[in-house]
Structure formats: C-alpha cells, structure tokens
Amino acid sequence: MTNILSYLTLINVINVHFYFVHGFRKSELDSSYNGLSYPFQYFTRDEWEADPPTNVRPLTKPVPYVVIHHTYIPSACNTTEKCFRAMRSMQNYHNSLGWGDIGYNYCVGSMGDVFEGRGWNNVGVHAGRANNFSIGICLIGDWRVATPPEPMLETTKKLISVGVENGSISPVYKLVGHKQTMTTECPGSALANIISTWDHYTKEILKF
C-alpha cells in the first residue's frame, strides 16, 4: 500500500512539474472536452479567456451546411498565445458590432490547433441568414493570396468529421465559402480554391 501511495505521489509531482515548468494546459495533456475526444489540440473558451456571451441561441442540429471563413484581420497566428490574443481581438470586435460574442463556432490556428467559439450547440453570427443552418469555421489569417499551412487545413477537415460524428453536422452536409452566403471576399481566393477540392463542397449560392 505504501509503495502504491508513493507511486501515485510521484505521478502527481511529475504532472505538476510539467504543468508549471513546461506550461502545458489541460487540453495539451488531454485533447477532450465535454465528453468529446478531439484528434487535435483543443482550447476552450476559458483557456483563451473569452468574455461571457450575451447572445446565445440554440442551434438546431444536425446542420446541413459548413461555412468556411478567414479573418483577414487579425493575421495568422503560429503560437498558442498569439492565437489567444487573436480570439480575444475578434470577440471584442464582434461585440462592438452588437453580436453578443465571437461570431464563429470554431477557429483554427496555423499550428492546427482548434479554438472554441460558440461551439456545436449555439447559433453563430458569421454568414447572414445561413447562421441558423450552419457551423462556421474560421481559419485565422489572410488567405487571399497566401496558402494556409497544411496542419491548419488538415485540422479543419478533422473538425468537420468530429461534427458529423457527434451529430452536430449532417452526414450529407454541404461545404461552402463565406462568399457563397453573402457579398464578401471571405474566405479569400487561395483558401476558396482549396476547399473547392474537398469532399462535400458545392458551388451553390445559398439563399434563404
């Protein structure tokens, strides 16, 4: 019994050491949240220090559409802290527009990490009338000319797959760029060209 307690104490000491010395957060040690497992680094609203939302409406699921965005501003982020700042910057800006929270359901950084926005269960503010029928995923950065990093693209595909698996996104969903829902350059020409080769992409212009 003494040996078992000593072993457990040692494990706890090691975990504490890694947390404080190496700066790992919960999501870097265990890529799961709310009972869902993620095949990528996942950061919650609490971790990027989001303000509480003031506009929350339940999303009817599964949604038939996934809408892809880019930020344009803020620019691409390639460290966790830079992405945290980008998330807070977006939330502050979107709140100033009266949206009551960051507009996107999820955002993806250049390293392939996912940052929780409104999540799977809440209606976003990102694509006009398509909001009620879609999950909005934003790839942080300006992707008009530059090509998004491969980890970012692969994680975006995996995130969509998770949404299908957990019942948030229809298995027969249609994938579109933001500019197919309203007049905008988003998600940028380079990114739009890439997603046009992905499964489920449609050239359809969404009108509701």
N, C-alpha and C. Protein backbone atom coordinates (compact mmCIF):
# COMPACT_ATOMS: atom_id res chain seq x y z
N MET A 1 0.83 -1.20 0.00
CA MET A 1 0.00 0.00 0.00
C MET A 1 0.87 1.26 0.00
N THR A 2 1.92 1.21 0.83
CA THR A 2 2.84 2.35 0.91
C THR A 2 3.50 2.61 -0.43
N ASN A 3 3.88 1.52 -1.11
CA ASN A 3 4.51 1.65 -2.42
C ASN A 3 3.57 2.27 -3.44
N ILE A 4 2.28 1.88 -3.39
CA ILE A 4 1.28 2.42 -4.32
C ILE A 4 1.09 3.91 -4.08
N LEU A 5 0.99 4.31 -2.80
CA LEU A 5 0.82 5.73 -2.47
C LEU A 5 2.03 6.53 -2.91
N SER A 6 3.21 5.96 -2.72
CA SER A 6 4.44 6.65 -3.14
C SER A 6 4.47 6.82 -4.65
N TYR A 7 4.00 5.80 -5.37
CA TYR A 7 3.97 5.87 -6.83
C TYR A 7 2.99 6.95 -7.30
N LEU A 8 1.79 6.99 -6.69
CA LEU A 8 0.79 7.99 -7.07
C LEU A 8 1.27 9.39 -6.76
N THR A 9 1.96 9.55 -5.63
CA THR A 9 2.50 10.85 -5.28
C THR A 9 3.54 11.30 -6.29
N LEU A 10 4.38 10.36 -6.72
CA LEU A 10 5.40 10.67 -7.72
C LEU A 10 4.76 11.12 -9.03
N ILE A 11 3.70 10.43 -9.45
CA ILE A 11 3.00 10.79 -10.69
C ILE A 11 2.44 12.20 -10.59
N ASN A 12 1.84 12.53 -9.44
CA ASN A 12 1.27 13.87 -9.25
C ASN A 12 2.36 14.94 -9.30
N VAL A 13 3.50 14.64 -8.69
CA VAL A 13 4.60 15.59 -8.70
C VAL A 13 5.08 15.83 -10.13
N ILE A 14 5.17 14.75 -10.91
CA ILE A 14 5.60 14.88 -12.31
C ILE A 14 4.62 15.72 -13.10
N ASN A 15 3.31 15.48 -12.89
CA ASN A 15 2.29 16.25 -13.61
C ASN A 15 2.36 17.73 -13.26
N VAL A 16 2.53 18.02 -11.97
CA VAL A 16 2.63 19.41 -11.53
C VAL A 16 3.87 20.06 -12.13
N HIS A 17 4.98 19.31 -12.14
CA HIS A 17 6.22 19.83 -12.71
C HIS A 17 6.03 20.19 -14.18
N PHE A 18 5.41 19.31 -14.94
CA PHE A 18 5.21 19.58 -16.36
C PHE A 18 4.26 20.75 -16.57
N TYR A 19 3.26 20.86 -15.73
CA TYR A 19 2.30 21.96 -15.90
C TYR A 19 2.98 23.30 -15.67
N PHE A 20 3.73 23.41 -14.58
CA PHE A 20 4.29 24.71 -14.24
C PHE A 20 5.60 25.02 -14.98
N VAL A 21 6.43 24.01 -15.19
CA VAL A 21 7.71 24.25 -15.83
C VAL A 21 7.56 24.34 -17.34
N HIS A 22 6.78 23.43 -17.91
CA HIS A 22 6.65 23.38 -19.36
C HIS A 22 5.43 24.13 -19.88
N GLY A 23 4.56 24.56 -18.98
CA GLY A 23 3.44 25.40 -19.39
C GLY A 23 2.32 24.66 -20.10
N PHE A 24 2.23 23.33 -19.95
CA PHE A 24 1.15 22.61 -20.59
C PHE A 24 -0.18 22.96 -19.94
N ARG A 25 -1.20 23.08 -20.76
CA ARG A 25 -2.55 23.29 -20.26
C ARG A 25 -3.29 21.95 -20.32
N LYS A 26 -4.47 21.92 -19.75
CA LYS A 26 -5.25 20.69 -19.74
C LYS A 26 -5.41 20.12 -21.14
N SER A 27 -5.76 20.99 -22.11
CA SER A 27 -6.05 20.49 -23.44
C SER A 27 -4.81 19.98 -24.15
N GLU A 28 -3.61 20.33 -23.66
CA GLU A 28 -2.38 19.84 -24.27
C GLU A 28 -2.01 18.47 -23.71
N LEU A 29 -2.60 18.11 -22.57
CA LEU A 29 -2.35 16.80 -21.99
C LEU A 29 -3.48 15.83 -22.30
N ASP A 30 -4.67 16.36 -22.55
CA ASP A 30 -5.85 15.53 -22.77
C ASP A 30 -6.74 16.25 -23.76
N SER A 31 -6.72 15.84 -25.03
CA SER A 31 -7.49 16.53 -26.07
C SER A 31 -8.94 16.08 -26.03
N SER A 32 -9.62 16.39 -24.93
CA SER A 32 -11.03 16.08 -24.81
C SER A 32 -11.71 17.19 -24.04
N TYR A 33 -13.01 17.34 -24.30
CA TYR A 33 -13.76 18.39 -23.62
C TYR A 33 -15.24 18.05 -23.70
N ASN A 34 -15.94 18.18 -22.58
CA ASN A 34 -17.37 17.87 -22.52
C ASN A 34 -17.67 16.46 -23.03
N GLY A 35 -16.77 15.53 -22.72
CA GLY A 35 -17.00 14.15 -23.10
C GLY A 35 -16.65 13.82 -24.54
N LEU A 36 -16.18 14.80 -25.30
CA LEU A 36 -15.82 14.57 -26.70
C LEU A 36 -14.30 14.51 -26.83
N SER A 37 -13.82 13.56 -27.62
CA SER A 37 -12.39 13.47 -27.88
C SER A 37 -12.08 14.11 -29.22
N TYR A 38 -10.95 14.80 -29.27
CA TYR A 38 -10.57 15.51 -30.48
C TYR A 38 -9.19 15.05 -30.96
N PRO A 39 -9.04 14.79 -32.26
CA PRO A 39 -7.75 14.36 -32.79
C PRO A 39 -6.84 15.54 -33.12
N PHE A 40 -6.85 16.55 -32.26
CA PHE A 40 -6.03 17.75 -32.44
C PHE A 40 -6.02 18.50 -31.12
N GLN A 41 -5.16 19.49 -31.00
CA GLN A 41 -5.14 20.32 -29.80
C GLN A 41 -6.40 21.16 -29.75
N TYR A 42 -7.06 21.15 -28.61
CA TYR A 42 -8.35 21.83 -28.47
C TYR A 42 -8.28 22.79 -27.28
N PHE A 43 -8.63 24.05 -27.52
CA PHE A 43 -8.60 25.05 -26.47
C PHE A 43 -10.00 25.61 -26.24
N THR A 44 -10.41 25.60 -24.98
CA THR A 44 -11.75 26.04 -24.62
C THR A 44 -11.82 27.57 -24.50
N ARG A 45 -13.03 28.06 -24.39
CA ARG A 45 -13.25 29.49 -24.18
C ARG A 45 -12.55 29.96 -22.90
N ASP A 46 -12.62 29.15 -21.86
CA ASP A 46 -11.96 29.53 -20.60
C ASP A 46 -10.47 29.70 -20.81
N GLU A 47 -9.88 28.86 -21.63
CA GLU A 47 -8.43 28.91 -21.82
C GLU A 47 -7.98 30.15 -22.58
N TRP A 48 -8.78 30.59 -23.58
CA TRP A 48 -8.38 31.83 -24.25
C TRP A 48 -9.00 33.07 -23.60
N GLU A 49 -9.67 32.85 -22.46
CA GLU A 49 -10.19 33.93 -21.60
C GLU A 49 -11.27 34.75 -22.31
N ALA A 50 -12.23 34.02 -22.87
CA ALA A 50 -13.37 34.67 -23.52
C ALA A 50 -14.25 35.37 -22.49
N ASP A 51 -14.84 36.49 -22.89
CA ASP A 51 -15.88 37.12 -22.08
C ASP A 51 -17.16 36.30 -22.19
N PRO A 52 -18.02 36.33 -21.18
CA PRO A 52 -19.28 35.59 -21.26
C PRO A 52 -20.13 36.11 -22.42
N PRO A 53 -20.82 35.23 -23.16
CA PRO A 53 -21.65 35.68 -24.27
C PRO A 53 -22.91 36.38 -23.76
N THR A 54 -23.42 37.28 -24.55
CA THR A 54 -24.69 37.96 -24.21
C THR A 54 -25.76 37.63 -25.23
N ASN A 55 -25.42 36.85 -26.25
CA ASN A 55 -26.38 36.45 -27.27
C ASN A 55 -26.20 34.96 -27.51
N VAL A 56 -27.08 34.15 -26.92
CA VAL A 56 -26.98 32.70 -27.04
C VAL A 56 -28.31 32.15 -27.52
N ARG A 57 -28.28 31.49 -28.67
CA ARG A 57 -29.47 30.83 -29.20
C ARG A 57 -29.13 29.41 -29.59
N PRO A 58 -29.97 28.45 -29.22
CA PRO A 58 -29.65 27.05 -29.54
C PRO A 58 -29.71 26.78 -31.04
N LEU A 59 -28.76 25.98 -31.51
CA LEU A 59 -28.67 25.62 -32.91
C LEU A 59 -29.42 24.30 -33.14
N THR A 60 -30.29 24.27 -34.13
CA THR A 60 -30.99 23.04 -34.47
C THR A 60 -30.04 22.14 -35.26
N LYS A 61 -29.83 20.93 -34.73
CA LYS A 61 -28.83 20.03 -35.32
C LYS A 61 -29.49 18.73 -35.78
N PRO A 62 -28.87 18.08 -36.74
CA PRO A 62 -27.62 18.42 -37.42
C PRO A 62 -27.82 19.51 -38.46
N VAL A 63 -26.82 20.35 -38.62
CA VAL A 63 -26.92 21.43 -39.61
C VAL A 63 -26.58 20.89 -41.00
N PRO A 64 -27.19 21.46 -42.05
CA PRO A 64 -26.91 20.98 -43.40
C PRO A 64 -25.71 21.63 -44.08
N TYR A 65 -25.13 22.68 -43.46
CA TYR A 65 -24.05 23.41 -44.11
C TYR A 65 -22.88 23.64 -43.15
N VAL A 66 -21.68 23.67 -43.73
CA VAL A 66 -20.48 24.15 -43.05
C VAL A 66 -19.96 25.32 -43.87
N VAL A 67 -19.74 26.46 -43.21
CA VAL A 67 -19.28 27.67 -43.88
C VAL A 67 -17.85 27.95 -43.44
N ILE A 68 -16.95 28.09 -44.42
CA ILE A 68 -15.54 28.34 -44.15
C ILE A 68 -15.22 29.82 -44.30
N HIS A 69 -14.45 30.35 -43.35
CA HIS A 69 -14.08 31.77 -43.30
C HIS A 69 -12.57 31.93 -43.17
N HIS A 70 -12.11 33.16 -43.40
CA HIS A 70 -10.80 33.58 -42.92
C HIS A 70 -11.00 34.89 -42.16
N THR A 71 -10.02 35.28 -41.37
CA THR A 71 -10.20 36.50 -40.59
C THR A 71 -9.83 37.75 -41.37
N TYR A 72 -8.84 37.63 -42.29
CA TYR A 72 -8.20 38.78 -42.93
C TYR A 72 -7.43 39.54 -41.86
N ILE A 73 -8.12 40.13 -40.90
CA ILE A 73 -7.53 40.71 -39.69
C ILE A 73 -8.30 40.12 -38.50
N PRO A 74 -7.62 39.58 -37.50
CA PRO A 74 -6.18 39.51 -37.26
C PRO A 74 -5.47 38.56 -38.22
N SER A 75 -4.15 38.75 -38.30
CA SER A 75 -3.32 37.95 -39.19
C SER A 75 -3.11 36.56 -38.62
N ALA A 76 -2.45 35.72 -39.40
CA ALA A 76 -2.21 34.34 -38.99
C ALA A 76 -1.44 34.28 -37.66
N CYS A 77 -1.77 33.29 -36.85
CA CYS A 77 -1.09 33.11 -35.56
C CYS A 77 -0.44 31.74 -35.53
N ASN A 78 0.82 31.71 -35.13
CA ASN A 78 1.54 30.44 -35.12
C ASN A 78 2.05 30.04 -33.75
N THR A 79 1.53 30.67 -32.70
CA THR A 79 1.77 30.22 -31.33
C THR A 79 0.44 30.27 -30.59
N THR A 80 0.37 29.51 -29.52
CA THR A 80 -0.87 29.47 -28.75
C THR A 80 -1.25 30.85 -28.22
N GLU A 81 -0.28 31.57 -27.66
CA GLU A 81 -0.59 32.88 -27.08
C GLU A 81 -1.04 33.87 -28.15
N LYS A 82 -0.41 33.84 -29.32
CA LYS A 82 -0.84 34.73 -30.40
C LYS A 82 -2.27 34.42 -30.83
N CYS A 83 -2.60 33.14 -30.88
CA CYS A 83 -3.97 32.76 -31.24
C CYS A 83 -4.96 33.15 -30.15
N PHE A 84 -4.55 33.04 -28.89
CA PHE A 84 -5.42 33.51 -27.81
C PHE A 84 -5.72 34.99 -27.97
N ARG A 85 -4.69 35.78 -28.29
CA ARG A 85 -4.89 37.22 -28.49
C ARG A 85 -5.79 37.48 -29.69
N ALA A 86 -5.62 36.68 -30.73
CA ALA A 86 -6.47 36.83 -31.92
C ALA A 86 -7.93 36.54 -31.57
N MET A 87 -8.17 35.52 -30.78
CA MET A 87 -9.54 35.18 -30.38
C MET A 87 -10.16 36.31 -29.57
N ARG A 88 -9.40 36.85 -28.61
CA ARG A 88 -9.93 37.95 -27.80
C ARG A 88 -10.19 39.19 -28.65
N SER A 89 -9.28 39.45 -29.61
CA SER A 89 -9.45 40.59 -30.50
C SER A 89 -10.72 40.45 -31.33
N MET A 90 -10.95 39.25 -31.87
CA MET A 90 -12.16 39.02 -32.66
C MET A 90 -13.41 39.16 -31.81
N GLN A 91 -13.38 38.60 -30.61
CA GLN A 91 -14.55 38.71 -29.76
C GLN A 91 -14.85 40.17 -29.42
N ASN A 92 -13.83 40.93 -29.10
CA ASN A 92 -14.03 42.35 -28.79
C ASN A 92 -14.64 43.09 -29.97
N TYR A 93 -14.12 42.82 -31.17
CA TYR A 93 -14.63 43.49 -32.36
C TYR A 93 -16.08 43.07 -32.65
N HIS A 94 -16.35 41.79 -32.57
CA HIS A 94 -17.70 41.31 -32.85
C HIS A 94 -18.69 41.83 -31.81
N ASN A 95 -18.25 41.92 -30.56
CA ASN A 95 -19.11 42.51 -29.53
C ASN A 95 -19.42 43.97 -29.83
N SER A 96 -18.43 44.69 -30.39
CA SER A 96 -18.65 46.10 -30.72
C SER A 96 -19.69 46.26 -31.83
N LEU A 97 -19.90 45.19 -32.60
CA LEU A 97 -20.92 45.21 -33.65
C LEU A 97 -22.29 44.79 -33.14
N GLY A 98 -22.35 44.44 -31.87
CA GLY A 98 -23.61 44.04 -31.27
C GLY A 98 -23.95 42.57 -31.47
N TRP A 99 -22.94 41.74 -31.75
CA TRP A 99 -23.20 40.32 -32.00
C TRP A 99 -23.31 39.50 -30.72
N GLY A 100 -22.87 40.05 -29.60
CA GLY A 100 -23.01 39.36 -28.33
C GLY A 100 -22.03 38.24 -28.08
N ASP A 101 -21.02 38.09 -28.91
CA ASP A 101 -19.97 37.08 -28.73
C ASP A 101 -19.14 37.04 -30.01
N ILE A 102 -18.06 36.26 -29.98
CA ILE A 102 -17.35 35.99 -31.22
C ILE A 102 -18.32 35.32 -32.18
N GLY A 103 -18.23 35.64 -33.46
CA GLY A 103 -19.24 35.16 -34.39
C GLY A 103 -19.13 33.71 -34.79
N TYR A 104 -17.91 33.16 -34.79
CA TYR A 104 -17.67 31.83 -35.35
C TYR A 104 -17.93 30.73 -34.33
N ASN A 105 -18.28 29.56 -34.82
CA ASN A 105 -18.42 28.42 -33.92
C ASN A 105 -17.06 27.89 -33.48
N TYR A 106 -16.10 27.88 -34.42
CA TYR A 106 -14.75 27.44 -34.12
C TYR A 106 -13.75 28.21 -34.97
N CYS A 107 -12.53 28.33 -34.45
CA CYS A 107 -11.43 28.92 -35.22
C CYS A 107 -10.25 27.95 -35.19
N VAL A 108 -9.43 28.03 -36.24
CA VAL A 108 -8.27 27.15 -36.36
C VAL A 108 -7.03 27.99 -36.57
N GLY A 109 -5.96 27.69 -35.82
CA GLY A 109 -4.69 28.40 -35.94
C GLY A 109 -3.75 27.71 -36.92
N SER A 110 -2.66 28.39 -37.24
CA SER A 110 -1.71 27.86 -38.22
C SER A 110 -1.07 26.55 -37.80
N MET A 111 -0.98 26.32 -36.47
CA MET A 111 -0.35 25.09 -35.99
C MET A 111 -1.29 23.90 -36.08
N GLY A 112 -2.56 24.17 -36.41
CA GLY A 112 -3.55 23.09 -36.46
C GLY A 112 -4.30 22.92 -35.16
N ASP A 113 -4.24 23.93 -34.28
CA ASP A 113 -5.00 23.91 -33.03
C ASP A 113 -6.39 24.49 -33.26
N VAL A 114 -7.37 24.00 -32.49
CA VAL A 114 -8.74 24.48 -32.59
C VAL A 114 -9.08 25.29 -31.35
N PHE A 115 -9.77 26.42 -31.58
CA PHE A 115 -10.17 27.32 -30.50
C PHE A 115 -11.68 27.44 -30.50
N GLU A 116 -12.26 27.11 -29.35
CA GLU A 116 -13.72 27.10 -29.23
C GLU A 116 -14.29 28.51 -29.32
N GLY A 117 -15.26 28.69 -30.21
CA GLY A 117 -16.00 29.94 -30.30
C GLY A 117 -17.37 29.74 -29.67
N ARG A 118 -18.40 29.71 -30.50
CA ARG A 118 -19.75 29.46 -29.97
C ARG A 118 -20.04 27.98 -29.79
N GLY A 119 -19.16 27.13 -30.29
CA GLY A 119 -19.31 25.70 -30.07
C GLY A 119 -20.33 25.05 -30.98
N TRP A 120 -20.61 23.78 -30.69
CA TRP A 120 -21.53 23.00 -31.53
C TRP A 120 -22.99 23.34 -31.30
N ASN A 121 -23.31 23.89 -30.14
CA ASN A 121 -24.72 23.97 -29.76
C ASN A 121 -25.38 25.32 -29.97
N ASN A 122 -24.62 26.34 -30.35
CA ASN A 122 -25.16 27.70 -30.41
C ASN A 122 -25.09 28.28 -31.82
N VAL A 123 -26.10 29.05 -32.18
CA VAL A 123 -26.13 29.73 -33.47
C VAL A 123 -25.03 30.79 -33.51
N GLY A 124 -24.24 30.78 -34.56
CA GLY A 124 -23.21 31.79 -34.73
C GLY A 124 -23.73 33.03 -35.43
N VAL A 125 -22.85 34.01 -35.55
CA VAL A 125 -23.14 35.21 -36.34
C VAL A 125 -21.97 35.35 -37.30
N HIS A 126 -22.12 34.75 -38.48
CA HIS A 126 -20.96 34.70 -39.39
C HIS A 126 -21.35 34.65 -40.86
N ALA A 127 -22.61 34.34 -41.17
CA ALA A 127 -22.96 34.12 -42.58
C ALA A 127 -24.39 34.54 -42.90
N GLY A 128 -24.83 35.64 -42.32
CA GLY A 128 -26.17 36.14 -42.63
C GLY A 128 -27.25 35.14 -42.28
N ARG A 129 -28.19 34.94 -43.20
CA ARG A 129 -29.31 34.04 -42.93
C ARG A 129 -28.89 32.58 -42.84
N ALA A 130 -27.68 32.28 -43.30
CA ALA A 130 -27.18 30.91 -43.19
C ALA A 130 -26.79 30.54 -41.76
N ASN A 131 -26.73 31.52 -40.86
CA ASN A 131 -26.31 31.25 -39.49
C ASN A 131 -27.11 30.13 -38.84
N ASN A 132 -28.42 30.14 -39.07
CA ASN A 132 -29.31 29.18 -38.41
C ASN A 132 -29.16 27.76 -38.94
N PHE A 133 -28.43 27.60 -40.03
CA PHE A 133 -28.36 26.29 -40.69
C PHE A 133 -26.93 25.81 -40.88
N SER A 134 -26.00 26.39 -40.13
CA SER A 134 -24.60 26.08 -40.43
C SER A 134 -23.71 26.14 -39.19
N ILE A 135 -22.56 25.51 -39.32
CA ILE A 135 -21.43 25.68 -38.41
C ILE A 135 -20.41 26.53 -39.14
N GLY A 136 -19.97 27.62 -38.51
CA GLY A 136 -18.97 28.50 -39.11
C GLY A 136 -17.59 28.21 -38.58
N ILE A 137 -16.66 27.87 -39.46
CA ILE A 137 -15.28 27.57 -39.06
C ILE A 137 -14.36 28.60 -39.71
N CYS A 138 -13.58 29.29 -38.89
CA CYS A 138 -12.71 30.36 -39.38
C CYS A 138 -11.25 29.95 -39.28
N LEU A 139 -10.53 30.06 -40.39
CA LEU A 139 -9.09 29.81 -40.41
C LEU A 139 -8.39 31.16 -40.21
N ILE A 140 -7.76 31.32 -39.06
CA ILE A 140 -7.21 32.61 -38.65
C ILE A 140 -6.09 33.03 -39.60
N GLY A 141 -6.27 34.19 -40.24
CA GLY A 141 -5.27 34.71 -41.16
C GLY A 141 -5.89 35.27 -42.42
N ASP A 142 -5.05 35.81 -43.27
CA ASP A 142 -5.46 36.38 -44.56
C ASP A 142 -5.09 35.39 -45.65
N TRP A 143 -6.09 34.73 -46.21
CA TRP A 143 -5.84 33.67 -47.19
C TRP A 143 -6.35 34.05 -48.57
N ARG A 144 -6.16 35.32 -48.92
CA ARG A 144 -6.49 35.76 -50.28
C ARG A 144 -5.44 35.31 -51.27
N VAL A 145 -4.18 35.41 -50.89
CA VAL A 145 -3.06 35.04 -51.76
C VAL A 145 -2.24 33.91 -51.15
N ALA A 146 -1.88 34.07 -49.89
CA ALA A 146 -1.09 33.05 -49.21
C ALA A 146 -1.90 31.77 -49.03
N THR A 147 -1.20 30.64 -49.05
CA THR A 147 -1.84 29.34 -48.86
C THR A 147 -1.81 28.97 -47.38
N PRO A 148 -2.94 28.59 -46.80
CA PRO A 148 -2.94 28.18 -45.39
C PRO A 148 -2.02 26.99 -45.15
N PRO A 149 -1.36 26.94 -43.99
CA PRO A 149 -0.47 25.81 -43.69
C PRO A 149 -1.23 24.48 -43.70
N GLU A 150 -0.54 23.43 -44.06
CA GLU A 150 -1.18 22.12 -44.16
C GLU A 150 -1.79 21.65 -42.84
N PRO A 151 -1.13 21.87 -41.67
CA PRO A 151 -1.76 21.44 -40.42
C PRO A 151 -3.11 22.12 -40.18
N MET A 152 -3.23 23.38 -40.58
CA MET A 152 -4.48 24.11 -40.43
C MET A 152 -5.58 23.49 -41.30
N LEU A 153 -5.23 23.15 -42.52
CA LEU A 153 -6.20 22.56 -43.45
C LEU A 153 -6.63 21.17 -42.98
N GLU A 154 -5.66 20.37 -42.55
CA GLU A 154 -5.99 19.01 -42.11
C GLU A 154 -6.85 19.03 -40.86
N THR A 155 -6.55 19.93 -39.94
CA THR A 155 -7.36 20.03 -38.72
C THR A 155 -8.78 20.47 -39.04
N THR A 156 -8.93 21.38 -39.99
CA THR A 156 -10.27 21.82 -40.37
C THR A 156 -11.11 20.65 -40.86
N LYS A 157 -10.51 19.78 -41.67
CA LYS A 157 -11.21 18.59 -42.14
C LYS A 157 -11.58 17.68 -40.96
N LYS A 158 -10.63 17.51 -40.05
CA LYS A 158 -10.89 16.65 -38.88
C LYS A 158 -11.99 17.23 -38.01
N LEU A 159 -12.01 18.55 -37.85
CA LEU A 159 -13.03 19.20 -37.04
C LEU A 159 -14.42 18.95 -37.64
N ILE A 160 -14.52 19.05 -38.96
CA ILE A 160 -15.80 18.77 -39.62
C ILE A 160 -16.21 17.32 -39.37
N SER A 161 -15.25 16.41 -39.47
CA SER A 161 -15.55 15.00 -39.23
C SER A 161 -16.05 14.76 -37.81
N VAL A 162 -15.45 15.45 -36.84
CA VAL A 162 -15.92 15.34 -35.45
C VAL A 162 -17.37 15.81 -35.35
N GLY A 163 -17.68 16.92 -36.04
CA GLY A 163 -19.05 17.44 -36.01
C GLY A 163 -20.05 16.47 -36.60
N VAL A 164 -19.64 15.75 -37.64
CA VAL A 164 -20.51 14.72 -38.22
C VAL A 164 -20.69 13.57 -37.23
N GLU A 165 -19.59 13.15 -36.64
CA GLU A 165 -19.63 12.01 -35.71
C GLU A 165 -20.46 12.30 -34.47
N ASN A 166 -20.44 13.55 -33.99
CA ASN A 166 -21.20 13.84 -32.76
C ASN A 166 -22.63 14.32 -33.04
N GLY A 167 -23.02 14.29 -34.31
CA GLY A 167 -24.40 14.61 -34.64
C GLY A 167 -24.70 16.09 -34.82
N SER A 168 -23.66 16.93 -34.82
CA SER A 168 -23.87 18.36 -34.99
C SER A 168 -24.00 18.75 -36.46
N ILE A 169 -23.31 18.02 -37.33
CA ILE A 169 -23.30 18.29 -38.76
C ILE A 169 -23.89 17.09 -39.49
N SER A 170 -24.76 17.34 -40.44
CA SER A 170 -25.38 16.26 -41.21
C SER A 170 -24.32 15.46 -41.97
N PRO A 171 -24.48 14.15 -42.03
CA PRO A 171 -23.54 13.34 -42.83
C PRO A 171 -23.54 13.71 -44.31
N VAL A 172 -24.61 14.34 -44.77
CA VAL A 172 -24.69 14.77 -46.17
C VAL A 172 -24.58 16.30 -46.27
N TYR A 173 -23.82 16.89 -45.36
CA TYR A 173 -23.67 18.35 -45.33
C TYR A 173 -23.08 18.88 -46.63
N LYS A 174 -23.30 20.16 -46.87
CA LYS A 174 -22.68 20.85 -48.00
C LYS A 174 -21.68 21.86 -47.46
N LEU A 175 -20.51 21.91 -48.09
CA LEU A 175 -19.43 22.79 -47.68
C LEU A 175 -19.38 24.00 -48.61
N VAL A 176 -19.35 25.20 -48.03
CA VAL A 176 -19.30 26.43 -48.84
C VAL A 176 -18.32 27.41 -48.22
N GLY A 177 -17.89 28.38 -49.02
CA GLY A 177 -17.14 29.52 -48.51
C GLY A 177 -18.10 30.64 -48.14
N HIS A 178 -17.65 31.51 -47.28
CA HIS A 178 -18.47 32.62 -46.80
C HIS A 178 -19.08 33.42 -47.96
N LYS A 179 -18.31 33.63 -49.02
CA LYS A 179 -18.79 34.45 -50.13
C LYS A 179 -19.95 33.81 -50.88
N GLN A 180 -20.25 32.56 -50.57
CA GLN A 180 -21.42 31.90 -51.17
C GLN A 180 -22.69 32.14 -50.36
N THR A 181 -22.55 32.88 -49.26
CA THR A 181 -23.71 33.20 -48.44
C THR A 181 -24.05 34.68 -48.45
N MET A 182 -23.07 35.52 -48.80
CA MET A 182 -23.28 36.96 -48.84
C MET A 182 -22.12 37.60 -49.61
N THR A 183 -22.23 38.90 -49.91
CA THR A 183 -21.21 39.59 -50.70
C THR A 183 -19.98 39.87 -49.85
N THR A 184 -18.88 39.18 -50.14
CA THR A 184 -17.64 39.33 -49.39
C THR A 184 -16.51 38.62 -50.14
N GLU A 185 -15.27 38.98 -49.84
CA GLU A 185 -14.11 38.25 -50.38
C GLU A 185 -13.80 36.99 -49.59
N CYS A 186 -14.30 36.91 -48.40
CA CYS A 186 -14.03 35.80 -47.49
C CYS A 186 -14.53 34.48 -48.10
N PRO A 187 -13.78 33.41 -48.03
CA PRO A 187 -12.60 33.14 -47.21
C PRO A 187 -11.26 33.43 -47.89
N GLY A 188 -11.24 34.28 -48.90
CA GLY A 188 -10.00 34.55 -49.63
C GLY A 188 -9.86 33.58 -50.80
N SER A 189 -9.32 34.08 -51.90
CA SER A 189 -9.25 33.28 -53.13
C SER A 189 -8.44 32.00 -52.96
N ALA A 190 -7.28 32.10 -52.29
CA ALA A 190 -6.42 30.93 -52.14
C ALA A 190 -7.14 29.83 -51.36
N LEU A 191 -7.78 30.20 -50.25
CA LEU A 191 -8.49 29.21 -49.43
C LEU A 191 -9.73 28.71 -50.17
N ALA A 192 -10.44 29.59 -50.84
CA ALA A 192 -11.64 29.18 -51.58
C ALA A 192 -11.28 28.13 -52.63
N ASN A 193 -10.16 28.33 -53.30
CA ASN A 193 -9.73 27.36 -54.31
C ASN A 193 -9.43 26.00 -53.70
N ILE A 194 -8.86 26.02 -52.50
CA ILE A 194 -8.51 24.76 -51.84
C ILE A 194 -9.76 24.01 -51.41
N ILE A 195 -10.69 24.69 -50.73
CA ILE A 195 -11.87 23.97 -50.24
C ILE A 195 -12.76 23.49 -51.38
N SER A 196 -12.60 24.09 -52.56
CA SER A 196 -13.40 23.65 -53.71
C SER A 196 -13.03 22.24 -54.16
N THR A 197 -11.90 21.72 -53.64
CA THR A 197 -11.48 20.35 -53.97
C THR A 197 -11.86 19.35 -52.89
N TRP A 198 -12.44 19.82 -51.78
CA TRP A 198 -12.76 18.95 -50.66
C TRP A 198 -14.09 18.23 -50.87
N ASP A 199 -14.22 17.12 -50.15
CA ASP A 199 -15.48 16.38 -50.17
C ASP A 199 -16.61 17.29 -49.67
N HIS A 200 -17.77 17.13 -50.26
CA HIS A 200 -18.99 17.83 -49.86
C HIS A 200 -19.06 19.28 -50.34
N TYR A 201 -17.99 19.76 -51.00
CA TYR A 201 -18.05 21.14 -51.49
C TYR A 201 -19.13 21.28 -52.55
N THR A 202 -19.84 22.41 -52.50
CA THR A 202 -20.84 22.72 -53.51
C THR A 202 -20.62 24.14 -54.02
N LYS A 203 -20.87 24.37 -55.29
CA LYS A 203 -20.79 25.70 -55.87
C LYS A 203 -22.04 26.52 -55.60
N GLU A 204 -22.98 25.92 -54.94
CA GLU A 204 -24.29 26.53 -54.69
C GLU A 204 -24.13 27.88 -53.98
N ILE A 205 -24.91 28.88 -54.44
CA ILE A 205 -25.02 30.16 -53.73
C ILE A 205 -26.21 30.02 -52.79
N LEU A 206 -25.97 30.15 -51.50
CA LEU A 206 -27.03 29.90 -50.53
C LEU A 206 -27.96 31.10 -50.42
N LYS A 207 -29.24 30.84 -50.55
CA LYS A 207 -30.27 31.87 -50.40
C LYS A 207 -31.38 31.33 -49.52
N PHE A 208 -31.69 32.06 -48.48
CA PHE A 208 -32.70 31.61 -47.54
C PHE A 208 -33.83 32.64 -47.45
